[in-house]
Every structure is written in C-alpha cells, then in structure tokens.
Amino acid sequence: MSITEPLLEADDIQGNILAGFNKDHQQFIFFEIEKPDLVKDWLRYIEPKISTLREVVSFNRLYQTMWARQGNEPKGLIATWMNLAFSYSGLQKILPKEKLLDFGQESAYVKGLQKRSGDLGDPTDPTAEGHPNKWVLGGSANNPDICLIIASDSHNQLEAMISTIKLSIDKVPGFGKSSGLKMVFEQACKTRFDLPGHEHFGFKDGVSQPGVRGKISVALDDYLTKRFIDSSDPRSQIEASPGQKLIWPGEFVFGYPKQKDDDPITPDQIKDSDLPSVYSVPVWAKNGSFLVVRRLRQDVKGFWEFLINEGPKVGISDPFMFGAKLVGRWPSGAPIMRSPTQDNKELAKAELANNNFNFQNDSSTAKIRSDIDFKDEIDQAKADEFGEVCPVSAHIRKVYPRDVDTDRPASANLTRRIIRRGIPYGEPLNINLALPPYEDSQNGDRGLMFLSYQTSIEEQFEFISNKWANSKKLPREGGEDPIIGQNNDPSQNNPRTRTFDLNGCPINLMNDFVIPTGGEYYFQPPISAIKSISL
C-alpha cells in the first residue's frame, strides 16, 4: 500500500520545530514588549535571521553525510541559528484584536503557564521553590512576551550573535530607533561535554522522538524523517526505524493531516479553513506550533543520595540499576526492556535497536533496507505487562506507554506525543559514589531547559504531565512518575510525596527531584506571519 505524505512548507516553518537545532551551545533570551509601536521595526530586522526548516534539514543532512563518510564528527562545519516565539500577552500587544479571536479564549495558551501551573502539579504552597511566586522566569518575576532561541556549534559564534541581538535592542540597525523591548531573562545552555547527550542526573536524553511524516520536496523519497525499514516489511508503513512510530505532522505543526486515534496509517485531513474549528487557532497560524518552555531545576545530589540510600532497602544495592528502574533506561540510554540486568553501551549506540521494544507484547526484529549495514543481534524484549522488568511507573513508560492500552486504545497513544528540544543548563555535578556528600560549587543551580512542540498543549504536553506522569493509575496503576511526576494531595502529611511501585513493593519519594523554576506557553509562528506582523 502506498501512503501519500504531505509536502511540508519548509521555507515557512521555523527550523527548531520539526528538524531540531541540536547544537552544543544555546541561549534563550526573553523579552517584554514595552512599546508595541516600535517592535515591528525590530521584527523586520530579525525576520531574515530566523532559520527555516529547509535550512536546518539541509545542514543536518550534510553533517550526517560527512560523519558517515569520515567515520567521525566533521570539523569546521558550523552554523548559528535563531527562532522566535510569542506568548499570548505578547501577541495581544502587537496584533489587532480581530487577529486573535480564533485562539480559544479558555485555552492553555491564552491563559498562560502561570495560571496552569497548579493543574500541572506544581507546588501550590506560595513559599515552595516550585511555586510561580518563586520562579525566575515568568510567574511573579517578569513578563516574557517573546522567547528568542539562538543555537550554534561554536561558542564564539553564539556569543557574537547574542551581542548583535542585544545591541539591536537599544538601536535597531537600519531604523535608528529603540526596539521597544526590555530583556527580562536569559539562560545560557550547553550540552554536557563530559557526557554528551545526557541530562544532569546522568542519563541519556532524547532517545525516543516521534518520526514525523511529511516530505521536504517532491523528490520520491525526500522524507523529513529518514526511513530505514525495507518496504517489503509491513512495519515500514508505520515506523521510520525499528520502534520509531510515524506520526502525521498535524500533531506538531498546524495545517497538516492529524493522527487518528484508531488508525496509525490513515490521517484526518485538515484544510486551512478548518484551523479555527479543529485547533482553535487562526488561519494564519498554519505552519506554526505551540511551544512549551519550562525551566526545570534538577536536584542531582538528592537524586543520587536517594538511589544510594533507598535501593538496598528494596534489594537493589547497585544505584545504577535502581536508577534504571526509575527511568526505564540505563545511563547510556540502553532500555532495560532489552538489557534487564546490566547497562549495554553497544545497544545504546545502536540507533536502529535502542528504541525497538514494547511493553505489553513481545518485540520483533524489523527488516532493514539492504543498503544499510546493520543487523540487530541483541535479544528482543519480552512482554512485560505487569512491569517486572520495566516498572509500570518508570519514567519512559509513564510518558509514552507504547503498546499499552490506557484510558483509550494503545493506538491513540501516538496522538499524545510531543517533540522535545531540551538542553541542560548549569555545570554538571560529578557524582563520586564512594564519597558522599558531594561538593557542589553551583549550589544546585543546574537543570534542563525543557522545550516541547505540539499543536495542543492540553491534549499533549499537559495530558502527559497531569494525566499520566502525575497519576497513580494511568497509564497503568503503579504510582506516579518518579522523575518528573508531582503530587499535590493535601490529605497527606507531606503533600508532595509520590509512590513508585517496584514489583509490588511501594516506595515513597518524599521530595521532588525536578523543580519548576519558570517558563511560559508560546506560539512559534510561521515566518510568513512574522513578515506580516512587521508590515
């Protein structure tokens, strides 16, 4: 069966949404709009610098080609990219009211993250660090109308672009006037050079991303997401690579076919005129996406002390094994479903194997295209319905239950998926397991700038957070997510206590390991809309 996938308007979609910047150095700069009449000149100046999907895809493909040919990371191949997003309050300041009427006035985007914070499980105690009163970004601290994302392979080039942007705030080049903006917060981020691709707890991050359907050009096989499974294998209709399910782009970018709950192949077709009724966004939002930004502090010291002290109480003396049970993957990124007793770094590096597993059913080997030199010889994962290998409330099982029926059939789990673009901030805390307590010169100021793209904040990001990660019963009964889950049960002595079920043994987690310290809900518009805003 031939499946026709849509041609993506790659010159209108901002590049970080579907392709991903994936740069070692990133800077997030947040602005408040103080003088709306001046901002349009600044947008005219910024718009040509915004990186498109086509630009990012082209660079990433060249990078991958050179790596494959040379056998190592290409040297000297450098790009610096920028994307832009607006909060609803920001759009209100620069657009006429009639342009905003089709945004659902009760939607999460319109209300903003601060008002939705309690619904996400964030602390409701005004004195708690995670309460909006204590945030450093948004909340009671400031009003971040605009989020500017700058990313580069080169720290020096990143700094040069940051300097250029900051100079433009006082005097917009070519216009000779102020931008009308006030910088309210900035966050420098970088990948961990001691553990590339890992977050601060020490686990590989971003291993499982959805495979987005769609084409970059009319060329026969010019798909956004590269296909690795041979066309003779029926799995090629629903997976890009083993375990990476294909999802229609309307789940992440407005104006394209959406995923159906009960059909992984046939989409819901969307016309431009359907946008207000289907998504509660204006017609001009086509090629845009909602962006969730959360600044999350990670209590690395507390996390590892918990693993060391509590693991032996449940018969797990190895803190890495206990951590893998909580996360669902070993620090390397290898899934415990396929490596139950020890870490397997070779499996972690095998991108056509490390995501190939189920929870409810046995997994199987896919037929890889003949022009790709790969053979999966690692034991396949066996069905684990009751969480004996990967606990039912392990992080990866909570946020993406794969083939497990939840409140809806398992096929509907694909409509909950988000595209994550997080990157660490702060210096790593090097954990010496033999010598606790740990010296921490940063006083715990490290964590993750969490970013996710989706076309429904409520049905994707918020659903995953509140209905799955924070639930004791969904996707399957067994406690809250031990990593990102939150609990605000006032009936408990400690209302933040979560429960993690390990093979029938309930484990109480008394403290949050991930603490929200700021953020906002944004709309990342198509480049054509930014041009029209600046007219």
Protein backbone atom coordinates (compact mmCIF):
# COMPACT_ATOMS: atom_id res chain seq x y z
CA MET A 1 0.00 0.00 0.00
CA SER A 2 1.32 3.41 -0.97
CA ILE A 3 0.90 6.24 1.55
CA THR A 4 0.95 9.80 0.26
CA GLU A 5 2.57 12.14 2.75
CA PRO A 6 2.15 15.94 2.60
CA LEU A 7 4.71 18.32 1.18
CA LEU A 8 5.83 20.48 4.10
CA GLU A 9 6.22 24.21 3.51
CA ALA A 10 9.83 24.03 4.60
CA ASP A 11 10.61 27.70 3.94
CA ASP A 12 7.79 28.88 6.20
CA ILE A 13 8.18 26.54 9.20
CA GLN A 14 10.76 27.60 11.78
CA GLY A 15 13.64 25.16 11.94
CA ASN A 16 13.69 24.01 15.56
CA ILE A 17 10.18 22.59 15.44
CA LEU A 18 10.46 19.58 13.13
CA ALA A 19 14.20 19.33 12.44
CA GLY A 20 15.74 20.43 15.74
CA PHE A 21 18.71 22.70 16.30
CA ASN A 22 20.66 20.03 18.23
CA LYS A 23 23.53 22.42 18.84
CA ASP A 24 26.05 22.18 21.68
CA HIS A 25 25.59 25.85 22.62
CA GLN A 26 22.22 27.55 23.02
CA GLN A 27 20.99 30.79 24.54
CA PHE A 28 17.41 31.61 25.47
CA ILE A 29 16.63 35.32 25.66
CA PHE A 30 13.26 36.53 26.92
CA PHE A 31 11.84 39.99 26.25
CA GLU A 32 8.93 42.04 27.48
CA ILE A 33 7.26 44.29 24.92
CA GLU A 34 7.19 47.78 26.43
CA LYS A 35 6.50 49.90 23.33
CA PRO A 36 4.48 47.90 20.79
CA ASP A 37 4.69 50.63 18.13
CA LEU A 38 8.48 50.19 17.98
CA VAL A 39 8.64 46.39 17.99
CA LYS A 40 7.65 45.95 14.34
CA ASP A 41 10.88 47.58 13.15
CA TRP A 42 12.83 45.12 15.27
CA LEU A 43 10.85 42.22 13.79
CA ARG A 44 11.70 43.48 10.29
CA TYR A 45 15.36 43.35 11.31
CA ILE A 46 15.08 39.91 12.93
CA GLU A 47 12.93 38.10 10.37
CA PRO A 48 15.71 37.42 7.79
CA LYS A 49 17.81 35.85 10.57
CA ILE A 50 15.17 33.27 11.51
CA SER A 51 16.23 29.78 10.49
CA THR A 52 13.81 27.71 8.41
CA LEU A 53 13.04 24.02 8.38
CA ARG A 54 14.72 23.71 4.98
CA GLU A 55 17.90 25.38 6.21
CA VAL A 56 18.15 23.16 9.30
CA VAL A 57 17.32 19.94 7.44
CA SER A 58 19.91 20.71 4.74
CA PHE A 59 22.65 21.33 7.28
CA ASN A 60 21.78 18.26 9.35
CA ARG A 61 21.85 16.05 6.27
CA LEU A 62 25.25 17.39 5.21
CA TYR A 63 26.55 16.86 8.74
CA GLN A 64 25.32 13.25 8.79
CA THR A 65 26.74 12.56 5.32
CA MET A 66 30.16 13.87 6.27
CA TRP A 67 30.16 11.91 9.54
CA ALA A 68 29.27 8.69 7.68
CA ARG A 69 32.00 9.26 5.10
CA GLN A 70 34.73 10.33 7.52
CA GLY A 71 33.81 8.00 10.36
CA ASN A 72 33.94 10.78 12.95
CA GLU A 73 32.44 14.16 13.76
CA PRO A 74 33.01 16.71 10.96
CA LYS A 75 35.36 19.54 11.89
CA GLY A 76 34.73 23.10 10.80
CA LEU A 77 31.11 22.58 9.78
CA ILE A 78 29.42 25.34 11.78
CA ALA A 79 26.04 27.03 11.71
CA THR A 80 24.32 29.52 14.01
CA TRP A 81 20.53 29.52 14.05
CA MET A 82 17.72 31.52 15.59
CA ASN A 83 13.99 31.04 16.17
CA LEU A 84 11.31 33.26 17.70
CA ALA A 85 8.07 32.67 19.64
CA PHE A 86 5.38 34.83 21.28
CA SER A 87 3.29 34.41 24.40
CA TYR A 88 -0.38 35.29 24.06
CA SER A 89 0.20 38.50 26.02
CA GLY A 90 2.92 39.35 23.51
CA LEU A 91 0.63 38.86 20.52
CA GLN A 92 -2.04 40.96 22.22
CA LYS A 93 0.38 43.87 22.31
CA ILE A 94 1.28 43.83 18.61
CA LEU A 95 -1.77 42.45 16.78
CA PRO A 96 -5.28 43.87 16.42
CA LYS A 97 -7.93 42.07 18.46
CA GLU A 98 -9.65 40.57 15.41
CA LYS A 99 -6.45 38.67 14.51
CA LEU A 100 -6.60 36.83 17.84
CA LEU A 101 -10.30 35.95 18.04
CA ASP A 102 -9.82 32.39 16.81
CA PHE A 103 -7.48 31.48 19.65
CA GLY A 104 -9.64 29.62 22.17
CA GLN A 105 -10.08 32.12 24.95
CA GLU A 106 -10.14 29.37 27.58
CA SER A 107 -7.16 27.54 26.08
CA ALA A 108 -3.94 26.81 27.91
CA TYR A 109 -2.02 29.07 25.54
CA VAL A 110 -4.29 32.05 26.17
CA LYS A 111 -4.33 31.55 29.94
CA GLY A 112 -0.55 31.05 30.11
CA LEU A 113 1.69 28.76 32.13
CA GLN A 114 1.41 30.62 35.43
CA LYS A 115 -2.35 30.06 35.61
CA ARG A 116 -1.97 26.42 34.51
CA SER A 117 0.85 25.72 36.93
CA GLY A 118 -1.30 24.15 39.64
CA ASP A 119 -3.00 21.91 37.07
CA LEU A 120 0.43 20.55 36.16
CA GLY A 121 1.05 19.55 39.78
CA ASP A 122 3.44 22.41 40.55
CA PRO A 123 3.52 23.34 44.25
CA THR A 124 0.56 25.38 45.47
CA ASP A 125 2.35 26.47 48.64
CA PRO A 126 3.44 30.09 47.90
CA THR A 127 6.65 29.55 49.89
CA ALA A 128 7.73 26.50 47.85
CA GLU A 129 10.53 26.89 45.31
CA GLY A 130 8.38 25.48 42.51
CA HIS A 131 5.50 27.92 43.06
CA PRO A 132 5.17 30.73 40.45
CA ASN A 133 5.91 33.24 43.21
CA LYS A 134 9.45 31.88 43.29
CA TRP A 135 10.07 31.50 39.57
CA VAL A 136 12.97 33.33 37.94
CA LEU A 137 11.24 33.29 34.53
CA GLY A 138 7.57 34.22 34.20
CA GLY A 139 5.31 33.79 37.18
CA SER A 140 5.63 36.75 39.54
CA ALA A 141 9.15 37.57 38.35
CA ASN A 142 8.65 39.05 34.89
CA ASN A 143 6.52 39.02 31.75
CA PRO A 144 8.36 37.14 28.98
CA ASP A 145 6.36 38.14 25.90
CA ILE A 146 8.97 36.91 23.42
CA CYS A 147 11.26 33.89 23.54
CA LEU A 148 14.32 34.05 21.29
CA ILE A 149 16.29 30.82 20.80
CA ILE A 150 19.85 31.11 19.49
CA ALA A 151 21.91 27.97 18.83
CA SER A 152 25.38 27.37 17.42
CA ASP A 153 28.08 24.77 17.00
CA SER A 154 30.58 27.44 18.10
CA HIS A 155 30.53 29.19 21.46
CA ASN A 156 32.32 32.20 19.93
CA GLN A 157 29.78 32.49 17.12
CA LEU A 158 26.95 32.14 19.61
CA GLU A 159 28.38 34.97 21.70
CA ALA A 160 28.76 37.13 18.60
CA MET A 161 25.10 36.62 17.68
CA ILE A 162 23.99 37.32 21.25
CA SER A 163 25.97 40.56 21.20
CA THR A 164 24.38 41.53 17.88
CA ILE A 165 20.88 40.90 19.22
CA LYS A 166 21.49 42.83 22.44
CA LEU A 167 22.85 45.81 20.51
CA SER A 168 19.71 45.78 18.36
CA ILE A 169 17.53 46.23 21.44
CA ASP A 170 18.82 49.74 22.08
CA LYS A 171 19.09 50.72 18.42
CA VAL A 172 17.62 48.65 15.61
CA PRO A 173 20.10 48.55 12.68
CA GLY A 174 18.68 50.32 9.65
CA PHE A 175 15.97 52.06 11.64
CA GLY A 176 17.94 54.08 14.19
CA LYS A 177 15.36 53.68 16.95
CA SER A 178 14.88 51.59 20.06
CA SER A 179 13.25 48.18 19.67
CA GLY A 180 10.66 48.85 22.35
CA LEU A 181 11.78 45.67 24.13
CA LYS A 182 13.18 45.01 27.59
CA MET A 183 15.25 41.89 28.22
CA VAL A 184 13.81 40.23 31.32
CA PHE A 185 15.75 36.94 31.49
CA GLU A 186 18.38 34.94 29.67
CA GLN A 187 19.59 31.40 30.12
CA ALA A 188 22.83 30.00 28.75
CA CYS A 189 22.73 26.28 27.96
CA LYS A 190 25.21 23.76 26.67
CA THR A 191 25.50 20.03 26.19
CA ARG A 192 27.47 18.12 28.78
CA PHE A 193 30.96 17.68 27.36
CA ASP A 194 31.72 15.04 29.99
CA LEU A 195 28.59 13.10 28.95
CA PRO A 196 27.34 14.38 25.57
CA GLY A 197 23.60 14.00 25.15
CA HIS A 198 22.98 13.30 28.84
CA GLU A 199 20.95 15.35 31.29
CA HIS A 200 22.26 16.23 34.75
CA PHE A 201 21.09 13.07 36.51
CA GLY A 202 23.49 11.31 34.14
CA PHE A 203 21.02 9.58 31.79
CA LYS A 204 20.95 9.85 28.00
CA ASP A 205 18.16 12.21 26.98
CA GLY A 206 16.00 12.48 23.88
CA VAL A 207 16.45 8.88 22.74
CA SER A 208 12.83 8.37 21.71
CA GLN A 209 11.45 11.06 19.41
CA PRO A 210 8.43 10.60 17.13
CA GLY A 211 9.04 10.06 13.44
CA VAL A 212 7.20 12.92 11.76
CA ARG A 213 5.62 12.16 8.41
CA GLY A 214 5.94 14.61 5.52
CA LYS A 215 8.26 15.45 2.64
CA ILE A 216 10.76 18.25 2.16
CA SER A 217 10.49 18.23 -1.63
CA VAL A 218 8.59 16.42 -4.40
CA ALA A 219 11.52 14.02 -4.88
CA LEU A 220 10.39 10.43 -4.45
CA ASP A 221 11.96 9.58 -1.07
CA ASP A 222 12.71 13.05 0.27
CA TYR A 223 11.03 12.43 3.62
CA LEU A 224 11.60 14.64 6.65
CA THR A 225 12.22 11.51 8.73
CA LYS A 226 14.60 9.07 7.08
CA ARG A 227 13.18 5.58 6.50
CA PHE A 228 15.33 2.60 7.49
CA ILE A 229 12.91 -0.33 7.27
CA ASP A 230 12.69 -2.21 3.98
CA SER A 231 9.49 -1.53 2.05
CA SER A 232 8.74 -5.28 1.93
CA ASP A 233 8.30 -5.27 5.72
CA PRO A 234 4.75 -4.17 6.76
CA ARG A 235 6.32 -2.21 9.62
CA SER A 236 7.67 0.26 7.05
CA GLN A 237 4.11 1.62 6.78
CA ILE A 238 4.02 2.65 10.45
CA GLU A 239 7.67 3.01 11.54
CA ALA A 240 10.60 5.05 10.24
CA SER A 241 13.12 2.92 12.12
CA PRO A 242 12.51 -0.02 14.46
CA GLY A 243 10.36 1.27 17.32
CA GLN A 244 10.06 4.82 15.95
CA LYS A 245 6.40 5.20 15.06
CA LEU A 246 5.48 7.55 12.21
CA ILE A 247 3.06 10.34 13.16
CA TRP A 248 1.21 12.74 10.90
CA PRO A 249 2.64 16.28 11.10
CA GLY A 250 -0.63 17.90 12.19
CA GLU A 251 0.18 16.75 15.72
CA PHE A 252 3.13 19.18 15.75
CA VAL A 253 2.54 21.85 13.07
CA PHE A 254 -0.75 23.50 12.18
CA GLY A 255 -2.33 22.95 8.77
CA TYR A 256 -1.37 19.34 8.07
CA PRO A 257 -3.06 15.93 8.43
CA LYS A 258 -3.59 14.79 12.02
CA GLN A 259 -3.16 11.38 13.59
CA LYS A 260 -6.30 9.28 14.15
CA ASP A 261 -6.87 7.57 17.48
CA ASP A 262 -7.70 4.23 15.89
CA ASP A 263 -5.65 4.22 12.69
CA PRO A 264 -1.83 4.62 12.56
CA ILE A 265 -1.81 4.94 8.76
CA THR A 266 -4.82 6.94 7.53
CA PRO A 267 -4.84 10.54 8.75
CA ASP A 268 -7.52 13.10 9.45
CA GLN A 269 -7.20 15.52 6.54
CA ILE A 270 -7.15 19.21 7.52
CA LYS A 271 -7.93 22.16 5.26
CA ASP A 272 -6.65 25.64 6.05
CA SER A 273 -10.21 26.76 6.73
CA ASP A 274 -10.52 24.02 9.37
CA LEU A 275 -7.88 25.53 11.63
CA PRO A 276 -10.19 27.63 13.85
CA SER A 277 -12.70 24.80 14.35
CA VAL A 278 -10.21 21.92 14.73
CA TYR A 279 -7.37 23.58 16.63
CA SER A 280 -8.81 26.87 17.96
CA VAL A 281 -6.11 28.87 16.17
CA PRO A 282 -6.40 31.49 13.41
CA VAL A 283 -5.98 30.52 9.74
CA TRP A 284 -2.71 32.48 9.67
CA ALA A 285 -1.30 30.05 12.26
CA LYS A 286 -0.67 27.45 9.52
CA ASN A 287 2.97 26.23 9.68
CA GLY A 288 3.23 27.36 13.30
CA SER A 289 3.36 25.36 16.52
CA PHE A 290 2.76 25.79 20.24
CA LEU A 291 5.98 25.85 22.24
CA VAL A 292 6.12 24.91 25.92
CA VAL A 293 9.13 26.31 27.80
CA ARG A 294 9.83 25.05 31.31
CA ARG A 295 12.96 25.87 33.28
CA LEU A 296 13.41 22.80 35.49
CA ARG A 297 15.99 22.65 38.25
CA GLN A 298 17.31 19.16 38.95
CA ASP A 299 18.26 18.07 42.46
CA VAL A 300 21.14 15.87 41.35
CA LYS A 301 22.54 15.43 44.85
CA GLY A 302 19.16 14.42 46.25
CA PHE A 303 18.50 12.04 43.37
CA TRP A 304 21.73 10.09 43.77
CA GLU A 305 21.54 10.03 47.56
CA PHE A 306 18.06 8.55 47.18
CA LEU A 307 19.39 5.85 44.83
CA ILE A 308 22.25 5.01 47.17
CA ASN A 309 20.26 5.02 50.41
CA GLU A 310 16.90 3.58 49.33
CA GLY A 311 17.97 0.98 46.78
CA PRO A 312 19.31 -1.53 49.32
CA LYS A 313 16.01 -1.32 51.23
CA VAL A 314 14.26 -2.90 48.23
CA GLY A 315 17.07 -5.31 47.43
CA ILE A 316 18.93 -3.23 44.81
CA SER A 317 22.40 -2.32 46.02
CA ASP A 318 23.59 -1.00 42.66
CA PRO A 319 22.40 2.63 42.37
CA PHE A 320 22.72 2.47 38.58
CA MET A 321 20.33 -0.48 38.46
CA PHE A 322 17.91 1.31 40.80
CA GLY A 323 18.14 4.45 38.66
CA ALA A 324 17.46 2.40 35.52
CA LYS A 325 14.31 1.03 37.17
CA LEU A 326 13.09 4.56 37.88
CA VAL A 327 13.95 5.89 34.42
CA GLY A 328 13.37 2.80 32.27
CA ARG A 329 16.76 3.17 30.60
CA TRP A 330 20.31 2.76 31.79
CA PRO A 331 22.52 5.88 31.97
CA SER A 332 23.86 5.05 28.48
CA GLY A 333 20.34 5.16 27.06
CA ALA A 334 20.02 1.39 26.65
CA PRO A 335 16.44 0.32 27.52
CA ILE A 336 16.10 -2.08 30.42
CA MET A 337 13.46 -3.91 28.38
CA ARG A 338 16.27 -5.20 26.17
CA SER A 339 19.05 -5.23 28.75
CA PRO A 340 17.40 -6.13 32.06
CA THR A 341 20.41 -6.89 34.25
CA GLN A 342 23.20 -4.52 33.20
CA ASP A 343 23.94 -1.48 31.08
CA ASN A 344 24.77 -2.15 27.46
CA LYS A 345 26.59 0.74 25.78
CA GLU A 346 26.69 -1.00 22.42
CA LEU A 347 22.91 -1.28 22.46
CA ALA A 348 22.68 2.37 23.48
CA LYS A 349 24.73 3.42 20.45
CA ALA A 350 22.71 1.24 18.05
CA GLU A 351 20.09 3.73 16.88
CA LEU A 352 18.23 1.03 14.95
CA ALA A 353 17.92 -1.14 18.06
CA ASN A 354 17.77 1.02 21.19
CA ASN A 355 14.17 2.07 20.60
CA ASN A 356 12.86 -1.27 19.33
CA PHE A 357 10.80 -2.64 22.21
CA ASN A 358 7.24 -2.87 23.50
CA PHE A 359 5.78 -3.19 26.99
CA GLN A 360 2.58 -5.21 26.51
CA ASN A 361 3.79 -7.53 23.75
CA ASP A 362 6.97 -9.25 22.61
CA SER A 363 9.08 -7.15 20.26
CA SER A 364 10.50 -8.44 17.00
CA THR A 365 13.27 -7.69 14.52
CA ALA A 366 12.44 -5.46 11.57
CA LYS A 367 13.87 -5.98 8.09
CA ILE A 368 16.37 -3.17 7.46
CA ARG A 369 16.97 -1.82 3.95
CA SER A 370 19.69 -3.71 2.07
CA ASP A 371 21.77 -0.56 1.51
CA ILE A 372 22.14 -0.05 5.27
CA ASP A 373 24.79 -2.09 7.03
CA PHE A 374 23.07 -3.08 10.26
CA LYS A 375 21.86 -6.27 11.88
CA ASP A 376 20.12 -6.38 15.26
CA GLU A 377 21.57 -9.42 17.02
CA ILE A 378 20.63 -8.40 20.57
CA ASP A 379 17.91 -10.39 22.34
CA GLN A 380 14.49 -8.91 21.70
CA ALA A 381 12.33 -7.67 24.57
CA LYS A 382 9.70 -9.99 26.00
CA ALA A 383 6.24 -8.85 27.03
CA ASP A 384 6.27 -7.14 30.41
CA GLU A 385 2.61 -6.46 31.12
CA PHE A 386 2.99 -6.22 34.91
CA GLY A 387 6.24 -4.26 34.97
CA GLU A 388 8.57 -6.94 36.29
CA VAL A 389 11.39 -5.68 34.04
CA CYS A 390 10.39 -2.07 33.45
CA PRO A 391 8.12 -0.89 36.30
CA VAL A 392 4.73 0.39 35.16
CA SER A 393 5.52 3.85 36.57
CA ALA A 394 9.08 4.10 35.22
CA HIS A 395 9.57 7.45 33.53
CA ILE A 396 9.74 6.26 29.91
CA ARG A 397 6.69 4.04 30.41
CA LYS A 398 4.69 6.86 32.00
CA VAL A 399 5.27 9.46 29.30
CA TYR A 400 4.98 7.08 26.34
CA PRO A 401 3.24 3.75 27.12
CA ARG A 402 3.75 2.46 23.57
CA ASP A 403 1.55 -0.61 23.03
CA VAL A 404 -0.27 -0.44 26.37
CA ASP A 405 -3.98 0.39 26.44
CA THR A 406 -4.63 3.31 28.79
CA ASP A 407 -7.85 5.29 29.04
CA ARG A 408 -8.03 4.71 25.27
CA PRO A 409 -6.66 2.01 22.93
CA ALA A 410 -2.87 1.89 22.57
CA SER A 411 -3.07 3.27 19.01
CA ALA A 412 -4.30 6.56 20.49
CA ASN A 413 -1.04 6.97 22.45
CA LEU A 414 0.52 8.42 19.31
CA THR A 415 -1.77 11.45 19.48
CA ARG A 416 -0.21 12.35 22.86
CA ARG A 417 3.34 12.56 21.55
CA ILE A 418 5.38 15.75 21.70
CA ILE A 419 8.67 16.77 20.09
CA ARG A 420 11.23 17.57 22.81
CA ARG A 421 14.07 20.03 22.32
CA GLY A 422 15.54 20.29 25.82
CA ILE A 423 19.11 21.16 26.72
CA PRO A 424 20.93 21.29 30.09
CA TYR A 425 21.84 24.50 31.88
CA GLY A 426 24.41 24.83 34.66
CA GLU A 427 27.57 22.88 35.34
CA PRO A 428 27.41 19.12 35.95
CA LEU A 429 27.70 17.73 39.46
CA ASN A 430 30.24 14.93 39.29
CA ILE A 431 28.95 12.09 41.42
CA ASN A 432 31.58 10.03 43.21
CA LEU A 433 29.51 7.19 44.60
CA ALA A 434 32.18 6.29 47.13
CA LEU A 435 32.48 9.75 48.65
CA PRO A 436 29.13 11.32 49.53
CA PRO A 437 28.22 14.05 50.36
CA TYR A 438 29.10 15.81 47.13
CA GLU A 439 30.87 19.12 46.68
CA ASP A 440 28.61 21.48 44.75
CA SER A 441 30.07 24.86 43.84
CA GLN A 442 26.90 25.71 41.88
CA ASN A 443 24.62 25.22 44.92
CA GLY A 444 22.23 23.09 42.93
CA ASP A 445 21.68 25.63 40.14
CA ARG A 446 21.56 23.18 37.25
CA GLY A 447 18.83 21.54 35.31
CA LEU A 448 17.03 21.39 32.00
CA MET A 449 15.53 24.00 29.73
CA PHE A 450 12.63 21.83 28.66
CA LEU A 451 11.04 22.65 25.30
CA SER A 452 8.26 20.78 23.57
CA TYR A 453 6.38 21.37 20.33
CA GLN A 454 2.78 20.30 19.77
CA THR A 455 -0.49 21.57 18.30
CA SER A 456 -2.47 21.01 21.50
CA ILE A 457 -0.88 21.98 24.80
CA GLU A 458 -3.84 20.48 26.66
CA GLU A 459 -4.05 17.14 24.86
CA GLN A 460 -0.32 16.56 24.50
CA PHE A 461 2.03 18.25 26.98
CA GLU A 462 -0.48 18.83 29.77
CA PHE A 463 -2.12 15.43 29.34
CA ILE A 464 1.23 13.64 29.59
CA SER A 465 2.18 15.69 32.65
CA ASN A 466 -1.06 15.61 34.61
CA LYS A 467 -2.98 12.53 33.45
CA TRP A 468 -0.03 10.17 33.11
CA ALA A 469 3.11 11.35 34.95
CA ASN A 470 1.17 12.66 37.99
CA SER A 471 -1.35 9.82 38.12
CA LYS A 472 -1.19 6.76 40.35
CA LYS A 473 -3.44 4.81 37.97
CA LEU A 474 -2.65 5.85 34.39
CA PRO A 475 -1.34 4.69 32.00
CA ARG A 476 -1.33 1.66 34.37
CA GLU A 477 -1.79 1.58 38.13
CA GLY A 478 1.52 1.68 39.97
CA GLY A 479 2.32 5.15 41.28
CA GLU A 480 3.46 8.47 39.88
CA ASP A 481 6.42 9.09 37.58
CA PRO A 482 9.44 9.05 39.95
CA ILE A 483 11.42 11.53 37.84
CA ILE A 484 9.04 14.29 36.70
CA GLY A 485 5.81 13.33 38.48
CA GLN A 486 4.29 15.72 41.00
CA ASN A 487 1.70 15.29 43.73
CA ASN A 488 -0.38 17.95 45.48
CA ASP A 489 -2.51 15.74 47.74
CA PRO A 490 -3.43 17.88 50.78
CA SER A 491 -4.64 14.79 52.66
CA GLN A 492 -1.05 13.57 53.06
CA ASN A 493 1.27 14.75 55.80
CA ASN A 494 3.74 15.62 53.07
CA PRO A 495 1.55 16.59 50.10
CA ARG A 496 4.44 16.20 47.66
CA THR A 497 5.02 12.50 48.42
CA ARG A 498 4.88 10.21 45.39
CA THR A 499 4.73 6.44 45.26
CA PHE A 500 6.73 4.17 42.97
CA ASP A 501 5.68 0.54 42.72
CA LEU A 502 8.65 -1.81 42.27
CA ASN A 503 7.40 -5.37 41.73
CA GLY A 504 4.61 -4.90 44.26
CA CYS A 505 6.78 -3.04 46.75
CA PRO A 506 5.65 0.60 47.18
CA ILE A 507 8.49 3.10 47.55
CA ASN A 508 7.76 6.58 48.88
CA LEU A 509 9.57 9.51 47.29
CA MET A 510 9.32 12.39 49.77
CA ASN A 511 10.97 15.11 47.68
CA ASP A 512 10.78 16.35 44.11
CA PHE A 513 13.90 15.70 42.06
CA VAL A 514 12.73 18.08 39.32
CA ILE A 515 11.54 21.53 40.41
CA PRO A 516 9.90 24.09 38.08
CA THR A 517 11.59 27.48 38.31
CA GLY A 518 9.92 29.27 35.41
CA GLY A 519 8.55 29.15 31.91
CA GLU A 520 5.70 30.15 29.64
CA TYR A 521 3.47 28.88 26.86
CA TYR A 522 4.37 30.29 23.42
CA PHE A 523 3.22 30.23 19.83
CA GLN A 524 6.05 29.83 17.33
CA PRO A 525 4.55 31.39 14.20
CA PRO A 526 5.26 30.70 10.55
CA ILE A 527 7.82 33.04 9.05
CA SER A 528 5.16 34.47 6.74
CA ALA A 529 3.19 35.60 9.81
CA ILE A 530 6.25 37.32 11.28
CA LYS A 531 6.65 39.16 7.98
CA SER A 532 3.03 40.29 8.06
CA ILE A 533 3.29 41.34 11.72
CA SER A 534 6.24 43.55 10.85
CA LEU A 535 4.49 45.33 7.97
